[in-house]
PDB file of N, CA and C in Angstrom:
ATOM      1  N   MET A   1     232.271 195.614 176.046  1.00  0.00           N
ATOM      2  CA  MET A   1     231.705 196.504 177.024  1.00  0.00           C
ATOM      3  C   MET A   1     230.288 196.061 177.409  1.00  0.00           C
ATOM      4  N   TYR A   2     229.747 195.094 176.722  1.00  0.00           N
ATOM      5  CA  TYR A   2     228.409 194.587 177.019  1.00  0.00           C
ATOM      6  C   TYR A   2     228.325 194.038 178.437  1.00  0.00           C
ATOM      7  N   TYR A   3     229.324 193.267 178.843  1.00  0.00           N
ATOM      8  CA  TYR A   3     229.299 192.646 180.168  1.00  0.00           C
ATOM      9  C   TYR A   3     229.406 193.680 181.283  1.00  0.00           C
ATOM     10  N   GLU A   4     230.178 194.714 181.060  1.00  0.00           N
ATOM     11  CA  GLU A   4     230.311 195.761 182.060  1.00  0.00           C
ATOM     12  C   GLU A   4     228.986 196.510 182.227  1.00  0.00           C
ATOM     13  N   LYS A   5     228.319 196.783 181.102  1.00  0.00           N
ATOM     14  CA  LYS A   5     227.020 197.446 181.150  1.00  0.00           C
ATOM     15  C   LYS A   5     226.014 196.558 181.877  1.00  0.00           C
ATOM     16  N   LEU A   6     226.013 195.291 181.569  1.00  0.00           N
ATOM     17  CA  LEU A   6     225.106 194.349 182.224  1.00  0.00           C
ATOM     18  C   LEU A   6     225.383 194.288 183.726  1.00  0.00           C
ATOM     19  N   ALA A   7     226.654 194.261 184.111  1.00  0.00           N
ATOM     20  CA  ALA A   7     227.012 194.224 185.532  1.00  0.00           C
ATOM     21  C   ALA A   7     226.521 195.476 186.248  1.00  0.00           C
ATOM     22  N   LEU A   8     226.637 196.640 185.616  1.00  0.00           N
ATOM     23  CA  LEU A   8     226.134 197.874 186.215  1.00  0.00           C
ATOM     24  C   LEU A   8     224.622 197.807 186.413  1.00  0.00           C
ATOM     25  N   GLU A   9     223.925 197.303 185.413  1.00  0.00           N
ATOM     26  CA  GLU A   9     222.469 197.217 185.494  1.00  0.00           C
ATOM     27  C   GLU A   9     222.024 196.225 186.567  1.00  0.00           C
ATOM     28  N   VAL A  10     222.676 195.085 186.651  1.00  0.00           N
ATOM     29  CA  VAL A  10     222.315 194.073 187.650  1.00  0.00           C
ATOM     30  C   VAL A  10     222.582 194.604 189.056  1.00  0.00           C
ATOM     31  N   ASN A  11     223.745 195.207 189.251  1.00  0.00           N
ATOM     32  CA  ASN A  11     224.073 195.781 190.563  1.00  0.00           C
ATOM     33  C   ASN A  11     223.104 196.894 190.948  1.00  0.00           C
ATOM     34  N   ALA A  12     222.736 197.725 189.999  1.00  0.00           N
ATOM     35  CA  ALA A  12     221.800 198.816 190.278  1.00  0.00           C
ATOM     36  C   ALA A  12     220.444 198.261 190.702  1.00  0.00           C
ATOM     37  N   ALA A  13     219.953 197.292 189.965  1.00  0.00           N
ATOM     38  CA  ALA A  13     218.656 196.691 190.300  1.00  0.00           C
ATOM     39  C   ALA A  13     218.712 196.000 191.657  1.00  0.00           C
ATOM     40  N   ALA A  14     219.789 195.298 191.938  1.00  0.00           N
ATOM     41  CA  ALA A  14     219.940 194.611 193.224  1.00  0.00           C
ATOM     42  C   ALA A  14     220.023 195.600 194.378  1.00  0.00           C
ATOM     43  N   SER A  15     220.461 196.825 194.095  1.00  0.00           N
ATOM     44  CA  SER A  15     220.574 197.862 195.118  1.00  0.00           C
ATOM     45  C   SER A  15     219.267 198.623 195.315  1.00  0.00           C
ATOM     46  N   GLY A  16     218.245 198.252 194.568  1.00  0.00           N
ATOM     47  CA  GLY A  16     216.963 198.925 194.694  1.00  0.00           C
ATOM     48  C   GLY A  16     216.825 200.155 193.825  1.00  0.00           C
ATOM     49  N   LEU A  17     217.786 200.376 192.946  1.00  0.00           N
ATOM     50  CA  LEU A  17     217.700 201.506 192.030  1.00  0.00           C
ATOM     51  C   LEU A  17     216.925 201.086 190.785  1.00  0.00           C
ATOM     52  N   THR A  18     216.361 202.049 190.098  1.00  0.00           N
ATOM     53  CA  THR A  18     215.642 201.791 188.863  1.00  0.00           C
ATOM     54  C   THR A  18     216.605 201.960 187.690  1.00  0.00           C
ATOM     55  N   VAL A  19     216.745 200.920 186.883  1.00  0.00           N
ATOM     56  CA  VAL A  19     217.613 201.000 185.708  1.00  0.00           C
ATOM     57  C   VAL A  19     216.861 201.760 184.616  1.00  0.00           C
ATOM     58  N   VAL A  20     217.501 202.778 184.068  1.00  0.00           N
ATOM     59  CA  VAL A  20     216.892 203.612 183.035  1.00  0.00           C
ATOM     60  C   VAL A  20     217.339 203.104 181.667  1.00  0.00           C
ATOM     61  N   LYS A  21     216.354 202.767 180.839  1.00  0.00           N
ATOM     62  CA  LYS A  21     216.655 202.323 179.478  1.00  0.00           C
ATOM     63  C   LYS A  21     215.787 203.104 178.513  1.00  0.00           C
ATOM     64  N   PRO A  22     216.314 203.645 177.479  1.00  0.00           N
ATOM     65  CA  PRO A  22     217.727 203.665 177.146  1.00  0.00           C
ATOM     66  C   PRO A  22     218.504 204.506 178.163  1.00  0.00           C
ATOM     67  N   ALA A  23     219.797 204.282 178.220  1.00  0.00           N
ATOM     68  CA  ALA A  23     220.668 204.943 179.201  1.00  0.00           C
ATOM     69  C   ALA A  23     220.958 206.369 178.758  1.00  0.00           C
ATOM     70  N   ALA A  24     219.929 207.189 178.835  1.00  0.00           N
ATOM     71  CA  ALA A  24     220.058 208.585 178.417  1.00  0.00           C
ATOM     72  C   ALA A  24     219.260 209.458 179.374  1.00  0.00           C
ATOM     73  N   ILE A  25     219.744 210.680 179.544  1.00  0.00           N
ATOM     74  CA  ILE A  25     219.075 211.657 180.393  1.00  0.00           C
ATOM     75  C   ILE A  25     218.911 212.931 179.571  1.00  0.00           C
ATOM     76  N   ALA A  26     217.710 213.486 179.598  1.00  0.00           N
ATOM     77  CA  ALA A  26     217.467 214.734 178.878  1.00  0.00           C
ATOM     78  C   ALA A  26     218.227 215.860 179.564  1.00  0.00           C
ATOM     79  N   GLY A  27     219.035 216.542 178.811  1.00  0.00           N
ATOM     80  CA  GLY A  27     219.828 217.639 179.364  1.00  0.00           C
ATOM     81  C   GLY A  27     219.090 218.962 179.290  1.00  0.00           C
ATOM     82  N   ALA A  28     219.574 219.937 180.032  1.00  0.00           N
ATOM     83  CA  ALA A  28     219.002 221.284 180.012  1.00  0.00           C
ATOM     84  C   ALA A  28     219.112 221.892 178.620  1.00  0.00           C
ATOM     85  N   SER A  29     220.070 221.410 177.836  1.00  0.00           N
ATOM     86  CA  SER A  29     220.270 221.910 176.473  1.00  0.00           C
ATOM     87  C   SER A  29     219.198 221.416 175.514  1.00  0.00           C
ATOM     88  N   GLY A  30     218.405 220.428 175.965  1.00  0.00           N
ATOM     89  CA  GLY A  30     217.413 219.821 175.081  1.00  0.00           C
ATOM     90  C   GLY A  30     217.942 218.587 174.382  1.00  0.00           C
ATOM     91  N   ILE A  31     219.185 218.254 174.617  1.00  0.00           N
ATOM     92  CA  ILE A  31     219.803 217.077 174.003  1.00  0.00           C
ATOM     93  C   ILE A  31     219.762 215.919 174.990  1.00  0.00           C
ATOM     94  N   ASP A  32     219.417 214.730 174.498  1.00  0.00           N
ATOM     95  CA  ASP A  32     219.490 213.535 175.332  1.00  0.00           C
ATOM     96  C   ASP A  32     220.947 213.105 175.419  1.00  0.00           C
ATOM     97  N   GLN A  33     221.487 213.130 176.622  1.00  0.00           N
ATOM     98  CA  GLN A  33     222.880 212.740 176.834  1.00  0.00           C
ATOM     99  C   GLN A  33     222.927 211.240 177.086  1.00  0.00           C
ATOM    100  N   LYS A  34     223.714 210.540 176.291  1.00  0.00           N
ATOM    101  CA  LYS A  34     223.804 209.079 176.380  1.00  0.00           C
ATOM    102  C   LYS A  34     224.986 208.667 177.244  1.00  0.00           C
ATOM    103  N   PHE A  35     224.723 207.750 178.162  1.00  0.00           N
ATOM    104  CA  PHE A  35     225.733 207.170 179.038  1.00  0.00           C
ATOM    105  C   PHE A  35     225.776 205.672 178.790  1.00  0.00           C
ATOM    106  N   THR A  36     226.768 205.007 179.352  1.00  0.00           N
ATOM    107  CA  THR A  36     226.832 203.559 179.256  1.00  0.00           C
ATOM    108  C   THR A  36     225.699 202.936 180.048  1.00  0.00           C
ATOM    109  N   SER A  37     225.421 203.491 181.234  1.00  0.00           N
ATOM    110  CA  SER A  37     224.358 202.982 182.086  1.00  0.00           C
ATOM    111  C   SER A  37     223.838 204.118 182.963  1.00  0.00           C
ATOM    112  N   VAL A  38     222.529 204.083 183.227  1.00  0.00           N
ATOM    113  CA  VAL A  38     221.903 205.084 184.092  1.00  0.00           C
ATOM    114  C   VAL A  38     220.967 204.364 185.047  1.00  0.00           C
ATOM    115  N   ALA A  39     221.030 204.759 186.308  1.00  0.00           N
ATOM    116  CA  ALA A  39     220.117 204.243 187.319  1.00  0.00           C
ATOM    117  C   ALA A  39     219.540 205.443 188.061  1.00  0.00           C
ATOM    118  N   ALA A  40     218.328 205.266 188.603  1.00  0.00           N
ATOM    119  CA  ALA A  40     217.682 206.364 189.300  1.00  0.00           C
ATOM    120  C   ALA A  40     217.162 205.903 190.646  1.00  0.00           C
ATOM    121  N   ASP A  41     217.179 206.837 191.582  1.00  0.00           N
ATOM    122  CA  ASP A  41     216.609 206.638 192.904  1.00  0.00           C
ATOM    123  C   ASP A  41     215.738 207.866 193.155  1.00  0.00           C
ATOM    124  N   GLY A  42     214.477 207.773 192.759  1.00  0.00           N
ATOM    125  CA  GLY A  42     213.611 208.943 192.813  1.00  0.00           C
ATOM    126  C   GLY A  42     214.131 209.995 191.851  1.00  0.00           C
ATOM    127  N   PRO A  43     214.321 211.220 192.349  1.00  0.00           N
ATOM    128  CA  PRO A  43     214.779 212.288 191.454  1.00  0.00           C
ATOM    129  C   PRO A  43     216.281 212.265 191.166  1.00  0.00           C
ATOM    130  N   THR A  44     217.020 211.428 191.893  1.00  0.00           N
ATOM    131  CA  THR A  44     218.471 211.382 191.718  1.00  0.00           C
ATOM    132  C   THR A  44     218.844 210.375 190.633  1.00  0.00           C
ATOM    133  N   SER A  45     219.628 210.827 189.672  1.00  0.00           N
ATOM    134  CA  SER A  45     220.123 209.951 188.603  1.00  0.00           C
ATOM    135  C   SER A  45     221.600 209.678 188.809  1.00  0.00           C
ATOM    136  N   TYR A  46     221.974 208.427 188.623  1.00  0.00           N
ATOM    137  CA  TYR A  46     223.369 208.003 188.685  1.00  0.00           C
ATOM    138  C   TYR A  46     223.757 207.574 187.271  1.00  0.00           C
ATOM    139  N   ALA A  47     224.718 208.268 186.689  1.00  0.00           N
ATOM    140  CA  ALA A  47     225.129 207.991 185.320  1.00  0.00           C
ATOM    141  C   ALA A  47     226.547 207.442 185.313  1.00  0.00           C
ATOM    142  N   PHE A  48     226.752 206.407 184.524  1.00  0.00           N
ATOM    143  CA  PHE A  48     228.049 205.748 184.431  1.00  0.00           C
ATOM    144  C   PHE A  48     228.504 205.729 182.984  1.00  0.00           C
ATOM    145  N   ASP A  49     229.754 206.117 182.770  1.00  0.00           N
ATOM    146  CA  ASP A  49     230.414 205.943 181.477  1.00  0.00           C
ATOM    147  C   ASP A  49     231.550 204.960 181.685  1.00  0.00           C
ATOM    148  N   VAL A  50     231.645 203.976 180.809  1.00  0.00           N
ATOM    149  CA  VAL A  50     232.690 202.960 180.898  1.00  0.00           C
ATOM    150  C   VAL A  50     233.655 203.161 179.738  1.00  0.00           C
ATOM    151  N   TYR A  51     234.931 203.232 180.062  1.00  0.00           N
ATOM    152  CA  TYR A  51     235.977 203.393 179.056  1.00  0.00           C
ATOM    153  C   TYR A  51     237.074 202.360 179.315  1.00  0.00           C
ATOM    154  N   PRO A  52     237.709 201.858 178.252  1.00  0.00           N
ATOM    155  CA  PRO A  52     238.826 200.924 178.455  1.00  0.00           C
ATOM    156  C   PRO A  52     239.964 201.575 179.242  1.00  0.00           C
ATOM    157  N   GLU A  53     240.256 202.839 178.924  1.00  0.00           N
ATOM    158  CA  GLU A  53     241.257 203.605 179.657  1.00  0.00           C
ATOM    159  C   GLU A  53     240.756 205.036 179.766  1.00  0.00           C
ATOM    160  N   VAL A  54     241.245 205.742 180.779  1.00  0.00           N
ATOM    161  CA  VAL A  54     240.728 207.090 181.023  1.00  0.00           C
ATOM    162  C   VAL A  54     241.856 208.105 180.956  1.00  0.00           C
ATOM    163  N   THR A  55     241.690 209.037 180.017  1.00  0.00           N
ATOM    164  CA  THR A  55     242.573 210.186 179.888  1.00  0.00           C
ATOM    165  C   THR A  55     241.725 211.437 180.109  1.00  0.00           C
ATOM    166  N   GLU A  56     242.317 212.585 179.958  1.00  0.00           N
ATOM    167  CA  GLU A  56     241.572 213.839 180.121  1.00  0.00           C
ATOM    168  C   GLU A  56     240.406 213.934 179.131  1.00  0.00           C
ATOM    169  N   LYS A  57     240.585 213.373 177.953  1.00  0.00           N
ATOM    170  CA  LYS A  57     239.532 213.418 176.931  1.00  0.00           C
ATOM    171  C   LYS A  57     238.253 212.749 177.426  1.00  0.00           C
ATOM    172  N   GLU A  58     238.356 211.578 178.029  1.00  0.00           N
ATOM    173  CA  GLU A  58     237.179 210.857 178.523  1.00  0.00           C
ATOM    174  C   GLU A  58     236.525 211.612 179.682  1.00  0.00           C
ATOM    175  N   VAL A  59     237.351 212.191 180.549  1.00  0.00           N
ATOM    176  CA  VAL A  59     236.811 212.967 181.669  1.00  0.00           C
ATOM    177  C   VAL A  59     236.025 214.163 181.137  1.00  0.00           C
ATOM    178  N   LEU A  60     236.558 214.850 180.147  1.00  0.00           N
ATOM    179  CA  LEU A  60     235.868 216.009 179.579  1.00  0.00           C
ATOM    180  C   LEU A  60     234.555 215.608 178.904  1.00  0.00           C
ATOM    181  N   LYS A  61     234.560 214.492 178.185  1.00  0.00           N
ATOM    182  CA  LYS A  61     233.328 214.024 177.539  1.00  0.00           C
ATOM    183  C   LYS A  61     232.247 213.757 178.570  1.00  0.00           C
ATOM    184  N   THR A  62     232.607 213.111 179.665  1.00  0.00           N
ATOM    185  CA  THR A  62     231.634 212.804 180.709  1.00  0.00           C
ATOM    186  C   THR A  62     231.221 214.073 181.452  1.00  0.00           C
ATOM    187  N   TYR A  63     232.155 214.981 181.678  1.00  0.00           N
ATOM    188  CA  TYR A  63     231.857 216.214 182.400  1.00  0.00           C
ATOM    189  C   TYR A  63     230.827 217.069 181.661  1.00  0.00           C
ATOM    190  N   ILE A  64     230.937 217.137 180.368  1.00  0.00           N
ATOM    191  CA  ILE A  64     229.967 217.911 179.578  1.00  0.00           C
ATOM    192  C   ILE A  64     228.561 217.344 179.787  1.00  0.00           C
ATOM    193  N   LYS A  65     228.447 216.025 179.790  1.00  0.00           N
ATOM    194  CA  LYS A  65     227.145 215.393 180.003  1.00  0.00           C
ATOM    195  C   LYS A  65     226.655 215.630 181.431  1.00  0.00           C
ATOM    196  N   LYS A  66     227.576 215.612 182.389  1.00  0.00           N
ATOM    197  CA  LYS A  66     227.221 215.883 183.787  1.00  0.00           C
ATOM    198  C   LYS A  66     226.674 217.301 183.929  1.00  0.00           C
ATOM    199  N   LEU A  67     227.356 218.265 183.341  1.00  0.00           N
ATOM    200  CA  LEU A  67     226.905 219.663 183.400  1.00  0.00           C
ATOM    201  C   LEU A  67     225.504 219.821 182.820  1.00  0.00           C
ATOM    202  N   ASP A  68     225.265 219.160 181.715  1.00  0.00           N
ATOM    203  CA  ASP A  68     223.995 219.309 181.016  1.00  0.00           C
ATOM    204  C   ASP A  68     222.844 218.627 181.752  1.00  0.00           C
ATOM    205  N   THR A  69     223.131 217.508 182.427  1.00  0.00           N
ATOM    206  CA  THR A  69     222.055 216.725 183.040  1.00  0.00           C
ATOM    207  C   THR A  69     221.919 216.918 184.547  1.00  0.00           C
ATOM    208  N   GLY A  70     222.995 217.288 185.220  1.00  0.00           N
ATOM    209  CA  GLY A  70     222.965 217.397 186.673  1.00  0.00           C
ATOM    210  C   GLY A  70     223.011 216.048 187.380  1.00  0.00           C
ATOM    211  N   ALA A  71     223.295 214.989 186.660  1.00  0.00           N
ATOM    212  CA  ALA A  71     223.343 213.637 187.243  1.00  0.00           C
ATOM    213  C   ALA A  71     224.609 213.442 188.071  1.00  0.00           C
ATOM    214  N   GLU A  72     224.521 212.571 189.073  1.00  0.00           N
ATOM    215  CA  GLU A  72     225.729 212.120 189.770  1.00  0.00           C
ATOM    216  C   GLU A  72     226.439 211.217 188.769  1.00  0.00           C
ATOM    217  N   THR A  73     227.656 211.573 188.431  1.00  0.00           N
ATOM    218  CA  THR A  73     228.328 210.924 187.314  1.00  0.00           C
ATOM    219  C   THR A  73     229.593 210.210 187.752  1.00  0.00           C
ATOM    220  N   TYR A  74     229.785 209.025 187.189  1.00  0.00           N
ATOM    221  CA  TYR A  74     230.918 208.168 187.519  1.00  0.00           C
ATOM    222  C   TYR A  74     231.546 207.659 186.231  1.00  0.00           C
ATOM    223  N   ILE A  75     232.853 207.491 186.276  1.00  0.00           N
ATOM    224  CA  ILE A  75     233.571 206.878 185.162  1.00  0.00           C
ATOM    225  C   ILE A  75     234.142 205.564 185.655  1.00  0.00           C
ATOM    226  N   VAL A  76     233.882 204.508 184.891  1.00  0.00           N
ATOM    227  CA  VAL A  76     234.446 203.200 185.193  1.00  0.00           C
ATOM    228  C   VAL A  76     235.567 202.953 184.201  1.00  0.00           C
ATOM    229  N   CYS A  77     236.777 202.787 184.724  1.00  0.00           N
ATOM    230  CA  CYS A  77     237.956 202.521 183.898  1.00  0.00           C
ATOM    231  C   CYS A  77     238.230 201.028 183.925  1.00  0.00           C
ATOM    232  N   LEU A  78     238.092 200.373 182.799  1.00  0.00           N
ATOM    233  CA  LEU A  78     238.238 198.923 182.746  1.00  0.00           C
ATOM    234  C   LEU A  78     239.638 198.446 183.106  1.00  0.00           C
ATOM    235  N   GLN A  79     240.641 199.281 182.857  1.00  0.00           N
ATOM    236  CA  GLN A  79     242.004 198.897 183.213  1.00  0.00           C
ATOM    237  C   GLN A  79     242.292 199.180 184.677  1.00  0.00           C
ATOM    238  N   GLY A  80     241.354 199.835 185.354  1.00  0.00           N
ATOM    239  CA  GLY A  80     241.502 200.072 186.782  1.00  0.00           C
ATOM    240  C   GLY A  80     242.324 201.271 187.169  1.00  0.00           C
ATOM    241  N   LYS A  81     242.866 201.972 186.200  1.00  0.00           N
ATOM    242  CA  LYS A  81     243.618 203.177 186.533  1.00  0.00           C
ATOM    243  C   LYS A  81     243.505 204.171 185.394  1.00  0.00           C
ATOM    244  N   SER A  82     243.733 205.405 185.731  1.00  0.00           N
ATOM    245  CA  SER A  82     243.668 206.470 184.743  1.00  0.00           C
ATOM    246  C   SER A  82     244.996 207.204 184.749  1.00  0.00           C
ATOM    247  N   THR A  83     245.154 208.109 183.804  1.00  0.00           N
ATOM    248  CA  THR A  83     246.363 208.924 183.822  1.00  0.00           C
ATOM    249  C   THR A  83     246.265 209.868 185.017  1.00  0.00           C
ATOM    250  N   PRO A  84     247.392 210.295 185.569  1.00  0.00           N
ATOM    251  CA  PRO A  84     247.352 211.232 186.703  1.00  0.00           C
ATOM    252  C   PRO A  84     246.602 212.520 186.371  1.00  0.00           C
ATOM    253  N   GLU A  85     246.751 212.993 185.142  1.00  0.00           N
ATOM    254  CA  GLU A  85     246.056 214.209 184.721  1.00  0.00           C
ATOM    255  C   GLU A  85     244.552 213.995 184.710  1.00  0.00           C
ATOM    256  N   ALA A  86     244.118 212.835 184.242  1.00  0.00           N
ATOM    257  CA  ALA A  86     242.688 212.524 184.208  1.00  0.00           C
ATOM    258  C   ALA A  86     242.128 212.416 185.619  1.00  0.00           C
ATOM    259  N   ALA A  87     242.861 211.796 186.518  1.00  0.00           N
ATOM    260  CA  ALA A  87     242.410 211.662 187.911  1.00  0.00           C
ATOM    261  C   ALA A  87     242.270 213.033 188.564  1.00  0.00           C
ATOM    262  N   ARG A  88     243.224 213.919 188.316  1.00  0.00           N
ATOM    263  CA  ARG A  88     243.166 215.273 188.866  1.00  0.00           C
ATOM    264  C   ARG A  88     241.962 216.025 188.310  1.00  0.00           C
ATOM    265  N   LEU A  89     241.757 215.932 187.011  1.00  0.00           N
ATOM    266  CA  LEU A  89     240.649 216.619 186.358  1.00  0.00           C
ATOM    267  C   LEU A  89     239.299 216.085 186.850  1.00  0.00           C
ATOM    268  N   ALA A  90     239.200 214.789 187.004  1.00  0.00           N
ATOM    269  CA  ALA A  90     237.955 214.189 187.503  1.00  0.00           C
ATOM    270  C   ALA A  90     237.640 214.701 188.905  1.00  0.00           C
ATOM    271  N   ARG A  91     238.647 214.770 189.765  1.00  0.00           N
ATOM    272  CA  ARG A  91     238.437 215.302 191.127  1.00  0.00           C
ATOM    273  C   ARG A  91     237.938 216.743 191.073  1.00  0.00           C
ATOM    274  N   GLU A  92     238.561 217.554 190.223  1.00  0.00           N
ATOM    275  CA  GLU A  92     238.161 218.955 190.080  1.00  0.00           C
ATOM    276  C   GLU A  92     236.716 219.082 189.626  1.00  0.00           C
ATOM    277  N   TYR A  93     236.289 218.172 188.770  1.00  0.00           N
ATOM    278  CA  TYR A  93     234.950 218.231 188.183  1.00  0.00           C
ATOM    279  C   TYR A  93     233.915 217.437 188.972  1.00  0.00           C
ATOM    280  N   GLY A  94     234.324 216.849 190.093  1.00  0.00           N
ATOM    281  CA  GLY A  94     233.370 216.115 190.919  1.00  0.00           C
ATOM    282  C   GLY A  94     232.900 214.809 190.325  1.00  0.00           C
ATOM    283  N   ILE A  95     233.765 214.173 189.571  1.00  0.00           N
ATOM    284  CA  ILE A  95     233.445 212.879 188.965  1.00  0.00           C
ATOM    285  C   ILE A  95     234.287 211.820 189.655  1.00  0.00           C
ATOM    286  N   ASP A  96     233.630 210.774 190.143  1.00  0.00           N
ATOM    287  CA  ASP A  96     234.357 209.680 190.781  1.00  0.00           C
ATOM    288  C   ASP A  96     234.826 208.692 189.727  1.00  0.00           C
ATOM    289  N   LEU A  97     236.086 208.287 189.841  1.00  0.00           N
ATOM    290  CA  LEU A  97     236.637 207.261 188.963  1.00  0.00           C
ATOM    291  C   LEU A  97     236.563 205.925 189.699  1.00  0.00           C
ATOM    292  N   LEU A  98     235.998 204.938 189.048  1.00  0.00           N
ATOM    293  CA  LEU A  98     235.885 203.607 189.616  1.00  0.00           C
ATOM    294  C   LEU A  98     236.643 202.616 188.750  1.00  0.00           C
ATOM    295  N   GLY A  99     237.317 201.682 189.392  1.00  0.00           N
ATOM    296  CA  GLY A  99     237.912 200.565 188.676  1.00  0.00           C
ATOM    297  C   GLY A  99     236.892 199.442 188.643  1.00  0.00           C
ATOM    298  N   PRO A 100     237.149 198.393 187.895  1.00  0.00           N
ATOM    299  CA  PRO A 100     236.182 197.293 187.811  1.00  0.00           C
ATOM    300  C   PRO A 100     235.857 196.704 189.184  1.00  0.00           C
ATOM    301  N   GLY A 101     236.817 196.683 190.092  1.00  0.00           N
ATOM    302  CA  GLY A 101     236.591 196.128 191.417  1.00  0.00           C
ATOM    303  C   GLY A 101     235.831 197.052 192.353  1.00  0.00           C
ATOM    304  N   ASN A 102     235.723 198.333 192.014  1.00  0.00           N
ATOM    305  CA  ASN A 102     235.039 199.302 192.873  1.00  0.00           C
ATOM    306  C   ASN A 102     233.546 199.421 192.602  1.00  0.00           C
ATOM    307  N   VAL A 103     233.083 198.887 191.494  1.00  0.00           N
ATOM    308  CA  VAL A 103     231.670 199.025 191.130  1.00  0.00           C
ATOM    309  C   VAL A 103     230.782 198.349 192.169  1.00  0.00           C
ATOM    310  N   GLY A 104     231.138 197.134 192.568  1.00  0.00           N
ATOM    311  CA  GLY A 104     230.359 196.429 193.587  1.00  0.00           C
ATOM    312  C   GLY A 104     230.348 197.182 194.897  1.00  0.00           C
ATOM    313  N   ASP A 105     231.477 197.791 195.270  1.00  0.00           N
ATOM    314  CA  ASP A 105     231.557 198.573 196.501  1.00  0.00           C
ATOM    315  C   ASP A 105     230.624 199.781 196.447  1.00  0.00           C
ATOM    316  N   PHE A 106     230.545 200.404 195.283  1.00  0.00           N
ATOM    317  CA  PHE A 106     229.658 201.554 195.114  1.00  0.00           C
ATOM    318  C   PHE A 106     228.215 201.153 195.414  1.00  0.00           C
ATOM    319  N   PHE A 107     227.772 200.058 194.830  1.00  0.00           N
ATOM    320  CA  PHE A 107     226.388 199.638 195.026  1.00  0.00           C
ATOM    321  C   PHE A 107     226.161 199.085 196.433  1.00  0.00           C
ATOM    322  N   SER A 108     227.159 198.462 197.021  1.00  0.00           N
ATOM    323  CA  SER A 108     227.033 198.003 198.413  1.00  0.00           C
ATOM    324  C   SER A 108     226.831 199.195 199.344  1.00  0.00           C
ATOM    325  N   ALA A 109     227.534 200.275 199.070  1.00  0.00           N
ATOM    326  CA  ALA A 109     227.372 201.490 199.884  1.00  0.00           C
ATOM    327  C   ALA A 109     225.959 202.040 199.742  1.00  0.00           C
ATOM    328  N   LYS A 110     225.390 201.962 198.545  1.00  0.00           N
ATOM    329  CA  LYS A 110     224.014 202.432 198.332  1.00  0.00           C
ATOM    330  C   LYS A 110     223.038 201.582 199.146  1.00  0.00           C
ATOM    331  N   ILE A 111     223.236 200.279 199.184  1.00  0.00           N
ATOM    332  CA  ILE A 111     222.364 199.395 199.968  1.00  0.00           C
ATOM    333  C   ILE A 111     222.480 199.741 201.443  1.00  0.00           C
ATOM    334  N   THR A 112     223.690 199.959 201.918  1.00  0.00           N
ATOM    335  CA  THR A 112     223.906 200.317 203.318  1.00  0.00           C
ATOM    336  C   THR A 112     223.195 201.624 203.656  1.00  0.00           C
ATOM    337  N   GLN A 113     223.285 202.611 202.773  1.00  0.00           N
ATOM    338  CA  GLN A 113     222.603 203.889 202.989  1.00  0.00           C
ATOM    339  C   GLN A 113     221.093 203.687 203.089  1.00  0.00           C
ATOM    340  N   GLN A 114     220.544 202.845 202.221  1.00  0.00           N
ATOM    341  CA  GLN A 114     219.104 202.594 202.237  1.00  0.00           C
ATOM    342  C   GLN A 114     218.690 201.903 203.528  1.00  0.00           C
ATOM    343  N   LEU A 115     219.482 200.957 203.992  1.00  0.00           N
ATOM    344  CA  LEU A 115     219.151 200.261 205.230  1.00  0.00           C
ATOM    345  C   LEU A 115     219.208 201.199 206.428  1.00  0.00           C
ATOM    346  N   ARG A 116     220.187 202.086 206.458  1.00  0.00           N
ATOM    347  CA  ARG A 116     220.278 203.060 207.550  1.00  0.00           C
ATOM    348  C   ARG A 116     219.082 204.019 207.541  1.00  0.00           C
ATOM    349  N   ALA A 117     218.682 204.447 206.347  1.00  0.00           N
ATOM    350  CA  ALA A 117     217.534 205.344 206.251  1.00  0.00           C
ATOM    351  C   ALA A 117     216.265 204.640 206.711  1.00  0.00           C
ATOM    352  N   LEU A 118     216.108 203.380 206.354  1.00  0.00           N
ATOM    353  CA  LEU A 118     214.950 202.592 206.777  1.00  0.00           C
ATOM    354  C   LEU A 118     214.946 202.422 208.285  1.00  0.00           C
ATOM    355  N   LYS A 119     216.099 202.174 208.852  1.00  0.00           N
ATOM    356  CA  LYS A 119     216.225 201.994 210.297  1.00  0.00           C
ATOM    357  C   LYS A 119     215.827 203.285 211.020  1.00  0.00           C
ATOM    358  N   ARG A 120     216.253 204.437 210.492  1.00  0.00           N
ATOM    359  CA  ARG A 120     215.890 205.733 211.091  1.00  0.00           C
ATOM    360  C   ARG A 120     214.383 205.958 211.022  1.00  0.00           C
ATOM    361  N   GLN A 121     213.767 205.558 209.927  1.00  0.00           N
ATOM    362  CA  GLN A 121     212.319 205.736 209.769  1.00  0.00           C
ATOM    363  C   GLN A 121     211.562 204.874 210.763  1.00  0.00           C
ATOM    364  N   LEU A 122     212.064 203.676 211.034  1.00  0.00           N
ATOM    365  CA  LEU A 122     211.387 202.744 211.927  1.00  0.00           C
ATOM    366  C   LEU A 122     211.599 203.084 213.394  1.00  0.00           C
ATOM    367  N   ALA A 123     212.659 203.841 213.687  1.00  0.00           N
ATOM    368  CA  ALA A 123     212.976 204.164 215.088  1.00  0.00           C
ATOM    369  C   ALA A 123     212.101 205.261 215.642  1.00  0.00           C
TER     370      ALA A 123
END
C-alpha cells in the first residue's frame, strides 16, 4: 500500500493541494482520525482510505471518520471494484469509490477546477 499512498501524495501535490502529514485530521470527538492520505485546499480537506477490497465494513470505517472530521472522503479500492452492497452504502453516505485508474482523473478534475477559477478571477 506504500506505492498507492505515494501516488496519492504526488498527485495531490501536482494538483496544487497541500499534502497533510501525518495523514490525520482532528475530529469533533477530540480523536485524530487516521487516513491513508490527506490533502488540503485551504479549509477543505480531502481524505483517502485505500483498501485491497471494499465491503460494507470498509465503508463504515471510513464513514465514521468522515462524520467525525467533516472531510470530503474517498475510498480507493485496489481491485477496482467493490461489493454491490458496499457501493450502495457508499452512495448513501456520500463517499466516492475510486478504482486505481480513477485517482488520476480525480486530481485532473481538481486542476481543471482551479484553472477555471483562475480564469474567472482574471476576466
